[in-house]
C-alpha atoms as a PDB file:
ATOM      1  CA  MET A   1      -0.202   0.079  -0.068  1.00  0.00           C
ATOM      2  CA  LYS A   2       1.129   3.338  -0.847  1.00  0.00           C
ATOM      3  CA  LEU A   3       2.297   6.137   1.812  1.00  0.00           C
ATOM      4  CA  GLY A   4      -1.267   8.354   2.301  1.00  0.00           C
ATOM      5  CA  ALA A   5      -3.410   5.795   0.949  1.00  0.00           C
ATOM      6  CA  MET A   6      -7.031   5.341   2.532  1.00  0.00           C
ATOM      7  CA  ILE A   7      -7.665   1.772   3.630  1.00  0.00           C
ATOM      8  CA  LEU A   8     -11.297   0.497   1.569  1.00  0.00           C
ATOM      9  CA  ARG A   9     -10.832  -3.335   1.872  1.00  0.00           C
ATOM     10  CA  GLU A  10     -12.522  -3.246   5.554  1.00  0.00           C
ATOM     11  CA  TYR A  11     -15.591  -1.705   3.693  1.00  0.00           C
ATOM     12  CA  ASN A  12     -16.475  -4.505   1.302  1.00  0.00           C
ATOM     13  CA  LEU A  13     -16.590  -1.769  -1.384  1.00  0.00           C
ATOM     14  CA  ARG A  14     -17.090  -3.162  -5.104  1.00  0.00           C
ATOM     15  CA  MET A  15     -17.436  -1.696  -8.433  1.00  0.00           C
ATOM     16  CA  LEU A  16     -17.956  -2.624 -12.025  1.00  0.00           C
ATOM     17  CA  LEU A  17     -14.547  -2.231 -14.045  1.00  0.00           C
ATOM     18  CA  GLY A  18     -14.709  -3.776 -17.476  1.00  0.00           C
ATOM     19  CA  ASN A  19     -16.928  -7.107 -17.347  1.00  0.00           C
ATOM     20  CA  GLU A  20     -15.917  -8.126 -13.946  1.00  0.00           C
ATOM     21  CA  VAL A  21     -16.724  -7.166 -10.571  1.00  0.00           C
ATOM     22  CA  VAL A  22     -13.694  -5.855  -8.644  1.00  0.00           C
ATOM     23  CA  THR A  23     -13.533  -4.906  -4.820  1.00  0.00           C
ATOM     24  CA  LEU A  24     -11.436  -1.784  -3.695  1.00  0.00           C
ATOM     25  CA  GLN A  25      -8.432  -2.108  -1.646  1.00  0.00           C
ATOM     26  CA  TRP A  26      -7.025   1.494  -1.274  1.00  0.00           C
ATOM     27  CA  ALA A  27      -7.358   4.720  -2.803  1.00  0.00           C
ATOM     28  CA  ARG A  28      -4.632   7.339  -2.612  1.00  0.00           C
ATOM     29  CA  LYS A  29      -5.454  10.947  -3.688  1.00  0.00           C
ATOM     30  CA  VAL A  30      -2.818  12.131  -6.451  1.00  0.00           C
ATOM     31  CA  PHE A  31      -4.658  15.575  -7.358  1.00  0.00           C
ATOM     32  CA  GLU A  32      -7.950  17.309  -7.219  1.00  0.00           C
ATOM     33  CA  ASP A  33     -10.588  14.730  -7.764  1.00  0.00           C
ATOM     34  CA  ILE A  34      -7.980  11.916  -9.223  1.00  0.00           C
ATOM     35  CA  TYR A  35      -7.443   8.913  -7.013  1.00  0.00           C
ATOM     36  CA  GLU A  36      -5.082   6.160  -7.800  1.00  0.00           C
ATOM     37  CA  VAL A  37      -7.003   3.166  -6.471  1.00  0.00           C
ATOM     38  CA  SER A  38      -5.792  -0.643  -6.273  1.00  0.00           C
ATOM     39  CA  VAL A  39      -8.444  -2.970  -6.813  1.00  0.00           C
ATOM     40  CA  ARG A  40      -8.382  -6.735  -6.417  1.00  0.00           C
ATOM     41  CA  TYR A  41     -10.216  -9.099  -9.270  1.00  0.00           C
ATOM     42  CA  LYS A  42     -11.493 -12.535  -8.243  1.00  0.00           C
ATOM     43  CA  GLU A  43      -9.692 -14.449 -10.411  1.00  0.00           C
ATOM     44  CA  ARG A  44      -6.521 -12.090 -11.631  1.00  0.00           C
ATOM     45  CA  GLY A  45      -5.063 -10.730  -8.720  1.00  0.00           C
ATOM     46  CA  TYR A  46      -4.662  -6.983  -7.878  1.00  0.00           C
ATOM     47  CA  GLN A  47      -3.786  -3.895 -10.418  1.00  0.00           C
ATOM     48  CA  THR A  48      -3.743  -0.299  -9.492  1.00  0.00           C
ATOM     49  CA  TRP A  49      -5.577   2.123 -11.410  1.00  0.00           C
ATOM     50  CA  TYR A  50      -6.510   5.887 -11.960  1.00  0.00           C
ATOM     51  CA  MET A  51      -9.833   7.002 -11.435  1.00  0.00           C
ATOM     52  CA  LYS A  52     -12.183  10.246 -11.117  1.00  0.00           C
ATOM     53  CA  ALA A  53     -13.687  10.871  -7.852  1.00  0.00           C
ATOM     54  CA  LEU A  54     -17.499  11.267  -8.520  1.00  0.00           C
ATOM     55  CA  ALA A  55     -19.906  13.755  -6.659  1.00  0.00           C
ATOM     56  CA  THR A  56     -22.402  11.064  -5.997  1.00  0.00           C
ATOM     57  CA  GLY A  57     -19.207   9.081  -4.204  1.00  0.00           C
ATOM     58  CA  GLY A  58     -18.495   6.221  -6.940  1.00  0.00           C
ATOM     59  CA  PHE A  59     -15.603   6.254  -8.684  1.00  0.00           C
ATOM     60  CA  GLU A  60     -15.106   6.387 -12.643  1.00  0.00           C
ATOM     61  CA  PRO A  61     -12.123   4.336 -14.308  1.00  0.00           C
ATOM     62  CA  ILE A  62      -9.512   6.634 -16.366  1.00  0.00           C
ATOM     63  CA  SER A  63      -6.578   4.305 -16.892  1.00  0.00           C
ATOM     64  CA  CYS A  64      -4.711   1.033 -15.418  1.00  0.00           C
ATOM     65  CA  SER A  65      -1.734   3.070 -13.640  1.00  0.00           C
ATOM     66  CA  MET A  66       0.539  -0.097 -14.457  1.00  0.00           C
ATOM     67  CA  TYR A  67       0.538   0.670 -18.564  1.00  0.00           C
ATOM     68  CA  LEU A  68       2.124   3.315 -20.315  1.00  0.00           C
ATOM     69  CA  SER A  69      -1.183   5.068 -21.806  1.00  0.00           C
ATOM     70  CA  LEU A  70      -1.589   8.980 -22.594  1.00  0.00           C
ATOM     71  CA  GLU A  71      -4.041   9.283 -19.763  1.00  0.00           C
ATOM     72  CA  THR A  72      -1.358   7.675 -17.438  1.00  0.00           C
ATOM     73  CA  MET A  73       1.768   9.726 -18.617  1.00  0.00           C
ATOM     74  CA  ALA A  74      -0.554  13.004 -18.216  1.00  0.00           C
ATOM     75  CA  ILE A  75      -1.491  12.113 -14.361  1.00  0.00           C
ATOM     76  CA  LYS A  76       2.204  11.096 -13.881  1.00  0.00           C
ATOM     77  CA  LEU A  77       3.387  14.283 -15.012  1.00  0.00           C
ATOM     78  CA  LYS A  78       0.941  16.639 -12.882  1.00  0.00           C
ATOM     79  CA  GLU A  79       1.633  14.699  -9.996  1.00  0.00           C
ATOM     80  CA  GLN A  80       5.434  14.964 -10.521  1.00  0.00           C
ATOM     81  CA  GLU A  81       4.707  18.952 -11.335  1.00  0.00           C
ATOM     82  CA  LEU A  82       2.699  19.076  -8.459  1.00  0.00           C
ATOM     83  CA  MET A  83       5.270  17.337  -5.877  1.00  0.00           C
ATOM     84  CA  GLY A  84       7.901  19.585  -7.648  1.00  0.00           C
ATOM     85  CA  SER A  85       6.272  22.611  -6.405  1.00  0.00           C
ATOM     86  CA  THR A  86       5.551  21.176  -3.151  1.00  0.00           C
ATOM     87  CA  ASN A  87       9.288  20.455  -2.688  1.00  0.00           C
ATOM     88  CA  ALA A  88      10.082  23.747  -3.513  1.00  0.00           C
ATOM     89  CA  GLU A  89       8.247  25.882  -1.089  1.00  0.00           C
END
């Protein structure tokens, strides 16, 4: 689990991701309404996803954070930029 993450596994939260129901394990705020969320598949193990927090209380998947996609690269660059400005203060 990453530093600053909220533990979710004890709440037994589930969501539909693709065509599978996954169980949320932990969530870490990246910036604004974007979170990195660890999910557990019944058969395939664990993955981490970047997700947008919804006003209704759920999450909307953006991209698997374990793969290199345009969305993942943009989120990682923004996080590095924000961390750089935090370290400079």
